[in-house]
Every structure is written in C-alpha cells, then in structure tokens.
C-alpha atoms as a PDB file:
ATOM      1  CA  UNK A   1       9.642   2.808   9.114  1.00  0.00           C
ATOM      2  CA  UNK A   2      10.539  -0.682   9.219  1.00  0.00           C
ATOM      3  CA  UNK A   3      10.069  -1.456  12.589  1.00  0.00           C
ATOM      4  CA  UNK A   4       6.376  -0.159  11.958  1.00  0.00           C
ATOM      5  CA  UNK A   5       5.584  -2.597   9.269  1.00  0.00           C
ATOM      6  CA  UNK A   6       3.800  -4.974  11.799  1.00  0.00           C
ATOM      7  CA  UNK A   7       6.660  -7.498  12.628  1.00  0.00           C
ATOM      8  CA  UNK A   8       7.036 -10.312  10.040  1.00  0.00           C
ATOM      9  CA  UNK A   9       5.475 -13.730   9.119  1.00  0.00           C
ATOM     10  CA  UNK A  10       6.941 -16.609   6.981  1.00  0.00           C
ATOM     11  CA  UNK A  11       6.225 -16.239   3.321  1.00  0.00           C
ATOM     12  CA  UNK A  12       7.797 -19.627   2.138  1.00  0.00           C
ATOM     13  CA  UNK A  13      11.220 -20.041   3.067  1.00  0.00           C
ATOM     14  CA  UNK A  14      11.231 -15.866   3.874  1.00  0.00           C
ATOM     15  CA  UNK A  15      10.153 -13.542   6.339  1.00  0.00           C
ATOM     16  CA  UNK A  16       8.620 -10.544   5.409  1.00  0.00           C
ATOM     17  CA  UNK A  17       7.007  -7.208   7.108  1.00  0.00           C
ATOM     18  CA  UNK A  18       3.266  -7.873   7.741  1.00  0.00           C
ATOM     19  CA  UNK A  19       2.281  -4.597   5.516  1.00  0.00           C
ATOM     20  CA  UNK A  20       3.560  -4.916   2.006  1.00  0.00           C
ATOM     21  CA  UNK A  21       2.211  -3.357  -1.397  1.00  0.00           C
ATOM     22  CA  UNK A  22      -0.246  -4.561  -4.168  1.00  0.00           C
ATOM     23  CA  UNK A  23       1.121  -2.834  -7.333  1.00  0.00           C
ATOM     24  CA  UNK A  24      -2.297  -3.523  -9.367  1.00  0.00           C
ATOM     25  CA  UNK A  25      -3.606   0.076  -8.675  1.00  0.00           C
ATOM     26  CA  UNK A  26      -0.331   1.583 -10.790  1.00  0.00           C
ATOM     27  CA  UNK A  27      -2.101   0.238 -13.858  1.00  0.00           C
ATOM     28  CA  UNK A  28      -4.674   2.273 -15.811  1.00  0.00           C
ATOM     29  CA  UNK A  29      -8.755   2.487 -14.816  1.00  0.00           C
ATOM     30  CA  UNK A  30     -10.049  -1.157 -14.616  1.00  0.00           C
ATOM     31  CA  UNK A  31      -6.562  -2.576 -14.313  1.00  0.00           C
ATOM     32  CA  UNK A  32      -5.910  -1.927 -18.268  1.00  0.00           C
ATOM     33  CA  UNK A  33      -3.083   0.088 -19.933  1.00  0.00           C
ATOM     34  CA  UNK A  34      -0.551   2.481 -18.390  1.00  0.00           C
ATOM     35  CA  UNK A  35      -0.944   4.615 -15.442  1.00  0.00           C
ATOM     36  CA  UNK A  36      -2.367   8.220 -15.098  1.00  0.00           C
ATOM     37  CA  UNK A  37       0.943   9.462 -14.187  1.00  0.00           C
ATOM     38  CA  UNK A  38       3.960   7.366 -14.865  1.00  0.00           C
ATOM     39  CA  UNK A  39       6.222   9.336 -13.060  1.00  0.00           C
ATOM     40  CA  UNK A  40       4.316   9.318  -9.961  1.00  0.00           C
ATOM     41  CA  UNK A  41       3.977   5.485 -10.459  1.00  0.00           C
ATOM     42  CA  UNK A  42       7.774   5.012 -10.519  1.00  0.00           C
ATOM     43  CA  UNK A  43       8.100   7.479  -7.579  1.00  0.00           C
ATOM     44  CA  UNK A  44       5.505   5.318  -5.336  1.00  0.00           C
ATOM     45  CA  UNK A  45       7.346   2.112  -6.322  1.00  0.00           C
ATOM     46  CA  UNK A  46      10.655   3.531  -4.980  1.00  0.00           C
ATOM     47  CA  UNK A  47       9.138   5.022  -1.752  1.00  0.00           C
ATOM     48  CA  UNK A  48       7.895   1.450  -1.029  1.00  0.00           C
ATOM     49  CA  UNK A  49      11.493   0.012  -0.886  1.00  0.00           C
ATOM     50  CA  UNK A  50      12.795   3.015   0.990  1.00  0.00           C
ATOM     51  CA  UNK A  51       9.883   2.716   3.751  1.00  0.00           C
ATOM     52  CA  UNK A  52      11.564  -0.938   4.128  1.00  0.00           C
ATOM     53  CA  UNK A  53       8.803  -2.747   2.242  1.00  0.00           C
ATOM     54  CA  UNK A  54      10.041  -6.183   1.572  1.00  0.00           C
ATOM     55  CA  UNK A  55       6.797  -7.856  -0.350  1.00  0.00           C
ATOM     56  CA  UNK A  56       5.343  -6.720  -3.503  1.00  0.00           C
ATOM     57  CA  UNK A  57       2.498  -8.416  -4.937  1.00  0.00           C
ATOM     58  CA  UNK A  58       2.002  -7.969  -8.818  1.00  0.00           C
ATOM     59  CA  UNK A  59       0.802  -9.891 -11.952  1.00  0.00           C
ATOM     60  CA  UNK A  60       1.733 -10.016 -15.918  1.00  0.00           C
ATOM     61  CA  UNK A  61      -2.144  -9.169 -16.702  1.00  0.00           C
ATOM     62  CA  UNK A  62      -1.845  -6.007 -14.587  1.00  0.00           C
ATOM     63  CA  UNK A  63      -1.970  -3.353 -17.133  1.00  0.00           C
ATOM     64  CA  UNK A  64      -1.413  -5.904 -19.747  1.00  0.00           C
ATOM     65  CA  UNK A  65       2.482  -5.906 -18.508  1.00  0.00           C
ATOM     66  CA  UNK A  66       2.556  -2.324 -17.820  1.00  0.00           C
ATOM     67  CA  UNK A  67       2.770  -2.919 -14.115  1.00  0.00           C
ATOM     68  CA  UNK A  68       5.540  -5.358 -14.223  1.00  0.00           C
ATOM     69  CA  UNK A  69       7.494  -2.996 -16.585  1.00  0.00           C
ATOM     70  CA  UNK A  70       7.123  -0.460 -14.052  1.00  0.00           C
ATOM     71  CA  UNK A  71       8.564  -2.209 -11.057  1.00  0.00           C
ATOM     72  CA  UNK A  72      11.614  -3.440 -13.128  1.00  0.00           C
ATOM     73  CA  UNK A  73      11.909   0.326 -14.253  1.00  0.00           C
ATOM     74  CA  UNK A  74      11.849   1.558 -10.873  1.00  0.00           C
ATOM     75  CA  UNK A  75      13.567  -0.941  -8.623  1.00  0.00           C
ATOM     76  CA  UNK A  76      15.935  -3.026 -10.753  1.00  0.00           C
ATOM     77  CA  UNK A  77      18.296  -4.445  -9.628  1.00  0.00           C
ATOM     78  CA  UNK A  78      16.196  -5.538  -6.880  1.00  0.00           C
ATOM     79  CA  UNK A  79      17.205  -4.763  -3.005  1.00  0.00           C
ATOM     80  CA  UNK A  80      18.188  -7.842  -1.378  1.00  0.00           C
ATOM     81  CA  UNK A  81      15.256  -9.516   0.539  1.00  0.00           C
ATOM     82  CA  UNK A  82      12.679  -8.257  -1.593  1.00  0.00           C
ATOM     83  CA  UNK A  83       9.913 -10.923  -2.178  1.00  0.00           C
ATOM     84  CA  UNK A  84       8.311 -10.450  -5.508  1.00  0.00           C
ATOM     85  CA  UNK A  85       4.736 -12.368  -5.649  1.00  0.00           C
ATOM     86  CA  UNK A  86       3.039 -12.947  -9.144  1.00  0.00           C
ATOM     87  CA  UNK A  87      -0.065 -14.833 -10.335  1.00  0.00           C
ATOM     88  CA  UNK A  88      -1.012 -16.613 -13.311  1.00  0.00           C
ATOM     89  CA  UNK A  89      -4.473 -18.168 -14.002  1.00  0.00           C
ATOM     90  CA  UNK A  90      -6.843 -15.280 -14.496  1.00  0.00           C
ATOM     91  CA  UNK A  91      -8.174 -16.367 -17.878  1.00  0.00           C
ATOM     92  CA  UNK A  92     -10.483 -19.012 -18.354  1.00  0.00           C
ATOM     93  CA  UNK A  93      -8.078 -21.188 -20.561  1.00  0.00           C
ATOM     94  CA  UNK A  94      -6.031 -21.867 -18.156  1.00  0.00           C
ATOM     95  CA  UNK A  95      -4.530 -24.925 -18.997  1.00  0.00           C
ATOM     96  CA  UNK A  96      -1.172 -25.990 -17.657  1.00  0.00           C
ATOM     97  CA  UNK A  97       0.729 -24.963 -20.429  1.00  0.00           C
ATOM     98  CA  UNK A  98      -0.634 -21.304 -20.225  1.00  0.00           C
ATOM     99  CA  UNK A  99       0.080 -21.477 -16.654  1.00  0.00           C
ATOM    100  CA  UNK A 100       3.950 -22.243 -17.568  1.00  0.00           C
ATOM    101  CA  UNK A 101       3.900 -19.430 -20.024  1.00  0.00           C
ATOM    102  CA  UNK A 102       2.316 -16.805 -17.348  1.00  0.00           C
ATOM    103  CA  UNK A 103       5.346 -17.857 -15.002  1.00  0.00           C
ATOM    104  CA  UNK A 104       7.945 -17.197 -17.623  1.00  0.00           C
ATOM    105  CA  UNK A 105       6.373 -13.753 -18.913  1.00  0.00           C
ATOM    106  CA  UNK A 106       6.336 -12.758 -15.264  1.00  0.00           C
ATOM    107  CA  UNK A 107      10.158 -13.582 -14.984  1.00  0.00           C
ATOM    108  CA  UNK A 108      11.070 -12.072 -18.321  1.00  0.00           C
ATOM    109  CA  UNK A 109       9.075  -8.899 -17.566  1.00  0.00           C
ATOM    110  CA  UNK A 110      10.376  -8.300 -14.220  1.00  0.00           C
ATOM    111  CA  UNK A 111      14.060  -9.188 -15.105  1.00  0.00           C
ATOM    112  CA  UNK A 112      14.460 -12.067 -12.563  1.00  0.00           C
ATOM    113  CA  UNK A 113      15.086 -15.953 -12.696  1.00  0.00           C
ATOM    114  CA  UNK A 114      12.997 -16.553  -9.743  1.00  0.00           C
ATOM    115  CA  UNK A 115       9.783 -15.283  -8.049  1.00  0.00           C
ATOM    116  CA  UNK A 116       9.252 -15.639  -4.231  1.00  0.00           C
ATOM    117  CA  UNK A 117       5.866 -17.224  -4.629  1.00  0.00           C
ATOM    118  CA  UNK A 118       3.522 -17.717  -7.212  1.00  0.00           C
ATOM    119  CA  UNK A 119      -0.560 -17.797  -6.963  1.00  0.00           C
ATOM    120  CA  UNK A 120      -2.550 -20.380  -8.896  1.00  0.00           C
ATOM    121  CA  UNK A 121      -5.372 -17.910  -9.421  1.00  0.00           C
ATOM    122  CA  UNK A 122      -8.779 -20.108  -9.383  1.00  0.00           C
ATOM    123  CA  UNK A 123     -11.555 -18.317 -11.395  1.00  0.00           C
ATOM    124  CA  UNK A 124     -14.537 -19.773 -10.004  1.00  0.00           C
ATOM    125  CA  UNK A 125     -14.157 -20.760  -6.002  1.00  0.00           C
ATOM    126  CA  UNK A 126     -17.315 -22.350  -6.072  1.00  0.00           C
ATOM    127  CA  UNK A 127     -16.225 -24.749  -8.465  1.00  0.00           C
ATOM    128  CA  UNK A 128     -15.578 -28.563  -6.771  1.00  0.00           C
ATOM    129  CA  UNK A 129     -11.658 -29.154  -7.495  1.00  0.00           C
ATOM    130  CA  UNK A 130     -10.917 -32.025 -10.127  1.00  0.00           C
ATOM    131  CA  UNK A 131      -8.193 -33.344 -11.968  1.00  0.00           C
ATOM    132  CA  UNK A 132      -7.631 -29.883 -13.858  1.00  0.00           C
ATOM    133  CA  UNK A 133      -7.346 -28.068 -10.700  1.00  0.00           C
ATOM    134  CA  UNK A 134      -4.676 -31.013  -9.668  1.00  0.00           C
ATOM    135  CA  UNK A 135      -2.896 -30.507 -12.928  1.00  0.00           C
ATOM    136  CA  UNK A 136      -2.726 -26.668 -12.653  1.00  0.00           C
ATOM    137  CA  UNK A 137      -1.250 -26.948  -9.002  1.00  0.00           C
ATOM    138  CA  UNK A 138       1.216 -29.563 -10.488  1.00  0.00           C
ATOM    139  CA  UNK A 139       2.349 -26.953 -12.964  1.00  0.00           C
ATOM    140  CA  UNK A 140       3.214 -24.655 -10.186  1.00  0.00           C
ATOM    141  CA  UNK A 141       4.972 -27.494  -8.365  1.00  0.00           C
ATOM    142  CA  UNK A 142       7.115 -28.237 -11.244  1.00  0.00           C
ATOM    143  CA  UNK A 143       8.222 -24.586 -11.629  1.00  0.00           C
ATOM    144  CA  UNK A 144       9.134 -24.686  -7.962  1.00  0.00           C
ATOM    145  CA  UNK A 145      11.193 -27.929  -8.263  1.00  0.00           C
ATOM    146  CA  UNK A 146      12.869 -26.243 -11.408  1.00  0.00           C
ATOM    147  CA  UNK A 147      13.858 -23.086  -9.083  1.00  0.00           C
ATOM    148  CA  UNK A 148      11.541 -20.677 -10.992  1.00  0.00           C
ATOM    149  CA  UNK A 149       9.300 -19.970  -7.885  1.00  0.00           C
ATOM    150  CA  UNK A 150      10.432 -20.269  -4.193  1.00  0.00           C
ATOM    151  CA  UNK A 151       6.808 -21.250  -3.082  1.00  0.00           C
ATOM    152  CA  UNK A 152       3.244 -22.320  -4.464  1.00  0.00           C
ATOM    153  CA  UNK A 153       0.447 -20.353  -3.289  1.00  0.00           C
ATOM    154  CA  UNK A 154      -3.573 -19.879  -4.177  1.00  0.00           C
ATOM    155  CA  UNK A 155      -5.637 -16.764  -5.139  1.00  0.00           C
ATOM    156  CA  UNK A 156      -9.629 -16.788  -5.160  1.00  0.00           C
ATOM    157  CA  UNK A 157     -10.343 -20.244  -3.388  1.00  0.00           C
ATOM    158  CA  UNK A 158     -12.505 -21.991  -1.445  1.00  0.00           C
ATOM    159  CA  UNK A 159     -11.781 -24.032   1.745  1.00  0.00           C
ATOM    160  CA  UNK A 160     -12.138 -26.654  -0.158  1.00  0.00           C
ATOM    161  CA  UNK A 161      -9.928 -25.946  -2.958  1.00  0.00           C
ATOM    162  CA  UNK A 162      -7.270 -25.081  -0.260  1.00  0.00           C
ATOM    163  CA  UNK A 163      -7.475 -28.499   1.262  1.00  0.00           C
ATOM    164  CA  UNK A 164      -7.250 -30.142  -1.948  1.00  0.00           C
ATOM    165  CA  UNK A 165      -4.079 -28.039  -2.595  1.00  0.00           C
ATOM    166  CA  UNK A 166      -2.679 -28.564   0.438  1.00  0.00           C
ATOM    167  CA  UNK A 167      -2.831 -32.548  -0.023  1.00  0.00           C
ATOM    168  CA  UNK A 168      -0.848 -32.363  -2.719  1.00  0.00           C
ATOM    169  CA  UNK A 169       2.015 -29.790  -1.893  1.00  0.00           C
ATOM    170  CA  UNK A 170       3.230 -26.881   0.600  1.00  0.00           C
ATOM    171  CA  UNK A 171       1.252 -23.743   0.338  1.00  0.00           C
ATOM    172  CA  UNK A 172       3.065 -20.932   1.607  1.00  0.00           C
ATOM    173  CA  UNK A 173       0.062 -18.011   1.055  1.00  0.00           C
ATOM    174  CA  UNK A 174      -3.400 -17.653  -0.039  1.00  0.00           C
ATOM    175  CA  UNK A 175      -4.701 -14.258  -1.594  1.00  0.00           C
ATOM    176  CA  UNK A 176      -8.384 -13.832  -1.089  1.00  0.00           C
ATOM    177  CA  UNK A 177     -10.968 -11.040  -1.227  1.00  0.00           C
ATOM    178  CA  UNK A 178     -11.292  -9.945   2.315  1.00  0.00           C
ATOM    179  CA  UNK A 179     -12.404  -6.710   4.229  1.00  0.00           C
ATOM    180  CA  UNK A 180     -14.494  -5.577   6.966  1.00  0.00           C
ATOM    181  CA  UNK A 181     -17.296  -5.809   4.728  1.00  0.00           C
ATOM    182  CA  UNK A 182     -16.791  -8.855   3.102  1.00  0.00           C
ATOM    183  CA  UNK A 183     -15.380 -11.647   5.528  1.00  0.00           C
ATOM    184  CA  UNK A 184     -16.697 -14.647   3.477  1.00  0.00           C
ATOM    185  CA  UNK A 185     -13.228 -15.938   3.452  1.00  0.00           C
ATOM    186  CA  UNK A 186     -12.977 -16.087   7.349  1.00  0.00           C
ATOM    187  CA  UNK A 187     -12.920 -19.917   7.087  1.00  0.00           C
ATOM    188  CA  UNK A 188     -10.056 -19.862   4.648  1.00  0.00           C
ATOM    189  CA  UNK A 189      -8.053 -17.414   6.893  1.00  0.00           C
ATOM    190  CA  UNK A 190      -8.627 -19.455  10.086  1.00  0.00           C
ATOM    191  CA  UNK A 191      -7.298 -22.687   8.143  1.00  0.00           C
ATOM    192  CA  UNK A 192      -4.191 -20.821   6.990  1.00  0.00           C
ATOM    193  CA  UNK A 193      -3.844 -19.584  10.370  1.00  0.00           C
ATOM    194  CA  UNK A 194      -3.974 -22.915  11.672  1.00  0.00           C
ATOM    195  CA  UNK A 195      -1.374 -24.160   9.165  1.00  0.00           C
ATOM    196  CA  UNK A 196       0.956 -21.116   9.441  1.00  0.00           C
ATOM    197  CA  UNK A 197      -0.099 -20.452   5.902  1.00  0.00           C
ATOM    198  CA  UNK A 198       0.270 -16.553   5.050  1.00  0.00           C
ATOM    199  CA  UNK A 199      -3.135 -14.985   4.390  1.00  0.00           C
ATOM    200  CA  UNK A 200      -2.857 -12.045   2.016  1.00  0.00           C
ATOM    201  CA  UNK A 201      -6.211  -9.968   1.606  1.00  0.00           C
ATOM    202  CA  UNK A 202      -7.302  -8.309  -1.473  1.00  0.00           C
ATOM    203  CA  UNK A 203      -9.169  -5.289  -1.867  1.00  0.00           C
ATOM    204  CA  UNK A 204      -8.575  -4.785   1.867  1.00  0.00           C
ATOM    205  CA  UNK A 205     -10.459  -1.528   1.931  1.00  0.00           C
ATOM    206  CA  UNK A 206     -13.191  -3.014  -0.392  1.00  0.00           C
ATOM    207  CA  UNK A 207     -13.880  -2.337  -3.919  1.00  0.00           C
ATOM    208  CA  UNK A 208     -13.873   1.301  -4.911  1.00  0.00           C
ATOM    209  CA  UNK A 209     -17.215   2.862  -4.701  1.00  0.00           C
ATOM    210  CA  UNK A 210     -19.858   1.824  -2.368  1.00  0.00           C
ATOM    211  CA  UNK A 211     -18.378  -0.974  -0.683  1.00  0.00           C
ATOM    212  CA  UNK A 212     -15.344   1.147   0.410  1.00  0.00           C
ATOM    213  CA  UNK A 213     -17.617   3.805   1.498  1.00  0.00           C
ATOM    214  CA  UNK A 214     -19.746   1.425   3.357  1.00  0.00           C
ATOM    215  CA  UNK A 215     -16.373   0.777   5.370  1.00  0.00           C
ATOM    216  CA  UNK A 216     -14.225   4.064   5.838  1.00  0.00           C
ATOM    217  CA  UNK A 217     -17.672   5.749   6.458  1.00  0.00           C
ATOM    218  CA  UNK A 218     -19.196   3.353   9.066  1.00  0.00           C
ATOM    219  CA  UNK A 219     -19.758   4.780  12.325  1.00  0.00           C
ATOM    220  CA  UNK A 220     -17.958   2.730  14.659  1.00  0.00           C
ATOM    221  CA  UNK A 221     -14.693   3.165  11.942  1.00  0.00           C
ATOM    222  CA  UNK A 222     -15.109   7.027  11.953  1.00  0.00           C
ATOM    223  CA  UNK A 223     -15.872   7.070  15.683  1.00  0.00           C
ATOM    224  CA  UNK A 224     -12.395   4.573  16.353  1.00  0.00           C
ATOM    225  CA  UNK A 225     -10.471   6.854  14.320  1.00  0.00           C
ATOM    226  CA  UNK A 226     -11.383   9.902  15.955  1.00  0.00           C
ATOM    227  CA  UNK A 227     -10.802   8.367  19.426  1.00  0.00           C
ATOM    228  CA  UNK A 228      -7.335   6.877  18.371  1.00  0.00           C
ATOM    229  CA  UNK A 229      -6.116  10.045  16.394  1.00  0.00           C
ATOM    230  CA  UNK A 230      -6.014   7.855  13.337  1.00  0.00           C
ATOM    231  CA  UNK A 231      -7.591   7.918   9.785  1.00  0.00           C
ATOM    232  CA  UNK A 232     -10.361   5.438   8.740  1.00  0.00           C
ATOM    233  CA  UNK A 233      -8.464   3.823   6.387  1.00  0.00           C
ATOM    234  CA  UNK A 234      -5.749   3.131   9.300  1.00  0.00           C
ATOM    235  CA  UNK A 235      -8.581   1.664  11.210  1.00  0.00           C
ATOM    236  CA  UNK A 236      -9.918  -0.478   8.656  1.00  0.00           C
ATOM    237  CA  UNK A 237      -6.351  -1.968   7.830  1.00  0.00           C
ATOM    238  CA  UNK A 238      -5.236  -2.431  11.250  1.00  0.00           C
ATOM    239  CA  UNK A 239      -8.363  -4.277  12.040  1.00  0.00           C
ATOM    240  CA  UNK A 240      -7.470  -6.866   9.069  1.00  0.00           C
ATOM    241  CA  UNK A 241      -3.843  -7.220  10.911  1.00  0.00           C
ATOM    242  CA  UNK A 242      -5.373  -7.367  14.399  1.00  0.00           C
ATOM    243  CA  UNK A 243      -7.379 -10.636  13.376  1.00  0.00           C
ATOM    244  CA  UNK A 244      -4.524 -12.985  13.207  1.00  0.00           C
ATOM    245  CA  UNK A 245      -0.745 -13.035  13.053  1.00  0.00           C
ATOM    246  CA  UNK A 246      -0.719 -14.468   9.490  1.00  0.00           C
ATOM    247  CA  UNK A 247      -2.463 -11.619   7.933  1.00  0.00           C
ATOM    248  CA  UNK A 248      -0.203 -10.255   5.182  1.00  0.00           C
ATOM    249  CA  UNK A 249      -1.789  -6.849   4.061  1.00  0.00           C
ATOM    250  CA  UNK A 250      -0.916  -5.693   0.411  1.00  0.00           C
ATOM    251  CA  UNK A 251      -2.477  -2.235   0.287  1.00  0.00           C
ATOM    252  CA  UNK A 252      -2.098  -0.586  -3.211  1.00  0.00           C
ATOM    253  CA  UNK A 253      -2.117   3.234  -4.192  1.00  0.00           C
ATOM    254  CA  UNK A 254      -1.255   5.552  -6.838  1.00  0.00           C
ATOM    255  CA  UNK A 255       0.477   8.091  -4.739  1.00  0.00           C
ATOM    256  CA  UNK A 256       3.042   8.504  -2.095  1.00  0.00           C
ATOM    257  CA  UNK A 257       0.738  10.178   0.397  1.00  0.00           C
ATOM    258  CA  UNK A 258      -1.651   7.251   0.432  1.00  0.00           C
ATOM    259  CA  UNK A 259       1.264   4.990   0.602  1.00  0.00           C
ATOM    260  CA  UNK A 260       2.349   6.553   3.848  1.00  0.00           C
ATOM    261  CA  UNK A 261      -1.163   6.098   5.540  1.00  0.00           C
ATOM    262  CA  UNK A 262      -1.022   2.475   4.406  1.00  0.00           C
ATOM    263  CA  UNK A 263       1.999   1.667   5.839  1.00  0.00           C
ATOM    264  CA  UNK A 264       0.901   3.436   8.907  1.00  0.00           C
ATOM    265  CA  UNK A 265      -1.938   0.776   9.572  1.00  0.00           C
ATOM    266  CA  UNK A 266       0.170  -1.644  11.568  1.00  0.00           C
ATOM    267  CA  UNK A 267       1.023   1.146  14.163  1.00  0.00           C
ATOM    268  CA  UNK A 268      -2.656   1.905  15.031  1.00  0.00           C
ATOM    269  CA  UNK A 269      -2.594  -0.344  18.274  1.00  0.00           C
ATOM    270  CA  UNK A 270      -6.582  -1.258  18.345  1.00  0.00           C
ATOM    271  CA  UNK A 271      -7.380  -1.614  21.967  1.00  0.00           C
ATOM    272  CA  UNK A 272     -10.791  -3.724  23.302  1.00  0.00           C
ATOM    273  CA  UNK A 273     -12.996  -1.028  22.724  1.00  0.00           C
ATOM    274  CA  UNK A 274     -12.268  -0.827  18.982  1.00  0.00           C
ATOM    275  CA  UNK A 275     -12.238  -4.306  18.822  1.00  0.00           C
ATOM    276  CA  UNK A 276     -15.363  -4.562  20.232  1.00  0.00           C
ATOM    277  CA  UNK A 277     -17.092  -1.963  18.475  1.00  0.00           C
ATOM    278  CA  UNK A 278     -15.682  -3.224  14.951  1.00  0.00           C
ATOM    279  CA  UNK A 279     -16.651  -6.666  15.422  1.00  0.00           C
ATOM    280  CA  UNK A 280     -20.084  -5.424  16.475  1.00  0.00           C
ATOM    281  CA  UNK A 281     -20.591  -3.581  13.200  1.00  0.00           C
ATOM    282  CA  UNK A 282     -18.578  -5.921  11.038  1.00  0.00           C
ATOM    283  CA  UNK A 283     -18.969  -9.492  12.604  1.00  0.00           C
ATOM    284  CA  UNK A 284     -15.695 -11.857  12.017  1.00  0.00           C
ATOM    285  CA  UNK A 285     -17.410 -14.742  10.878  1.00  0.00           C
ATOM    286  CA  UNK A 286     -17.633 -16.500   7.735  1.00  0.00           C
ATOM    287  CA  UNK A 287     -21.520 -16.577   7.803  1.00  0.00           C
ATOM    288  CA  UNK A 288     -21.449 -12.952   7.461  1.00  0.00           C
ATOM    289  CA  UNK A 289     -22.848 -12.168   3.863  1.00  0.00           C
ATOM    290  CA  UNK A 290     -22.430  -8.494   2.752  1.00  0.00           C
ATOM    291  CA  UNK A 291     -24.384  -6.935   0.142  1.00  0.00           C
ATOM    292  CA  UNK A 292     -22.419  -7.455  -3.432  1.00  0.00           C
ATOM    293  CA  UNK A 293     -20.839  -4.778  -5.144  1.00  0.00           C
ATOM    294  CA  UNK A 294     -22.630  -3.667  -8.137  1.00  0.00           C
ATOM    295  CA  UNK A 295     -21.415  -4.658 -11.255  1.00  0.00           C
END
C-alpha cells in the first residue's frame, strides 16, 4: 500500500505520504467522549500504520483526551518515521500560557517528547491578526526552539493570518476546512503551494449530513466514479489530491473498511474528462461560496 499513498511532500523536516489519517472520528459523537467501539478504534489505528500511513492528525481535545489515549495504546512505541501532528488553541481563552499547557498535555497523553508539528487553531479566521495572534505564534516558536515540536502549523486561518505568521517564522502546514463543496480557502491553498507549505484539508468529504451528501450524490461525482470504476468518495478525495502537489489528505473513519477506501483515493488517476466535469460542478476558485451547513 505504501506506493499507493500519493507520493510524498515535505512536512517540516520530514517527508510524508500525501494520504494520512485524521483521528478525530475515533471519538464519540460530536467529538466528545469515548468511541462507540473501542476495540475497533484500536484496530483501525493499527491498520493505519500497517498500510504505510506515516502522518496522523490528532488533538488533545478530541474526545476530551480519549483519542490521544487510543493512539498511544494502539501504536506506542511508535514506528520510526511516524509523524504525529496535533493542534492547540480551540478554546476562546487561548492565552499563550494555555497554548503551552496544551502542547505539554499532548506530549504527555501520547507518550512522546516531541511532535512532528503543532497547529495553532484560530477561533475566528475573519479576525484581523493582532498582537495576541503574534504572541500565540511566538509560543509555538518557543516550543519548537525547545525541541517540543519540529514544526509550527496553523489551522482555520485566513490568507491574511497566514501571511502575518510567515512573516514571523517558518510555517510547515496549514489545516483548513476544504472540500469540493467548500473551497473558500482556495486562496490559502494557492499561497501555501507557492511557498511549499503543506495544505491539509479537514472534512475533505464535507460535514456529515447535507454537505457530504451534496458531494457524494453530485451527478458529476457519481458519473465519474462509475466511469472510472471507483466509489464517489474516492473521486472526491482524489480530486483534492489532484488540485496541487502540496495537498496532504487526512480523511478519518471509524472502520477498517472505510479506511481502505480512503487510502485508495491516491490511486484514482483522474483524467481530463473527470477534471473538467468536477470543475464545472465544483469551481476551484476562492470566489465559490457554497451553502452553509445548517447548525
């Protein structure tokens, strides 16, 4: 499976396969509490590594610590080359001291002394970056200088916030909401591509519910999946990989069956007809304004 994971792209000082794994779905419903099936969650994580995945995305606040505990139980001691990326700052009171505490909590829960990267998750991407934003970035830079993280990343940011951060330090990855139905971060993706920064879409198949259905049931997605002999999910994920070489996918799942389907997305091999049809239904431009997912 290793050769089918879409090639590689730099993630800070490392190179990782372009198809990784997002662990958020291993938590309970609404990203709270333990998983529905703990044993299956552990089996999924072990299958992830056995398939050659070398990039796992997580956060201490997923399942209130449950997900990091599962990762440690399933995979520790971790295989050489496994890049574990986490994030801090999801709370509104994200003062620098709390960011540092969040990094240390991740390290303790995962049983590691260093993370491949930590993303600063911005609560409101519409806010103009200010002194508080600078102090938050500086906290992650300090953690990198102390050897607690290898790279500094960002999550849920605008182009303006990205440019503010890269003026202060090296940014190794940006993790934003991005999928066929929601491409409002296309400007961020393009800037990341220009700077050789990994762009990591979260919710790459859309939010569960109407948005995901709108992607997977879209006539172009269904038709191209049938023509190429693959599933609609593989078409939707494969199109994201096809957009730019710096895209790193982290699709998540609770089952090994869906894991195998997600990892196979890199092997879809979209042709010009598929690209044209998908672009017609899902224009790849930051001016595209999809419907919002209902609250």
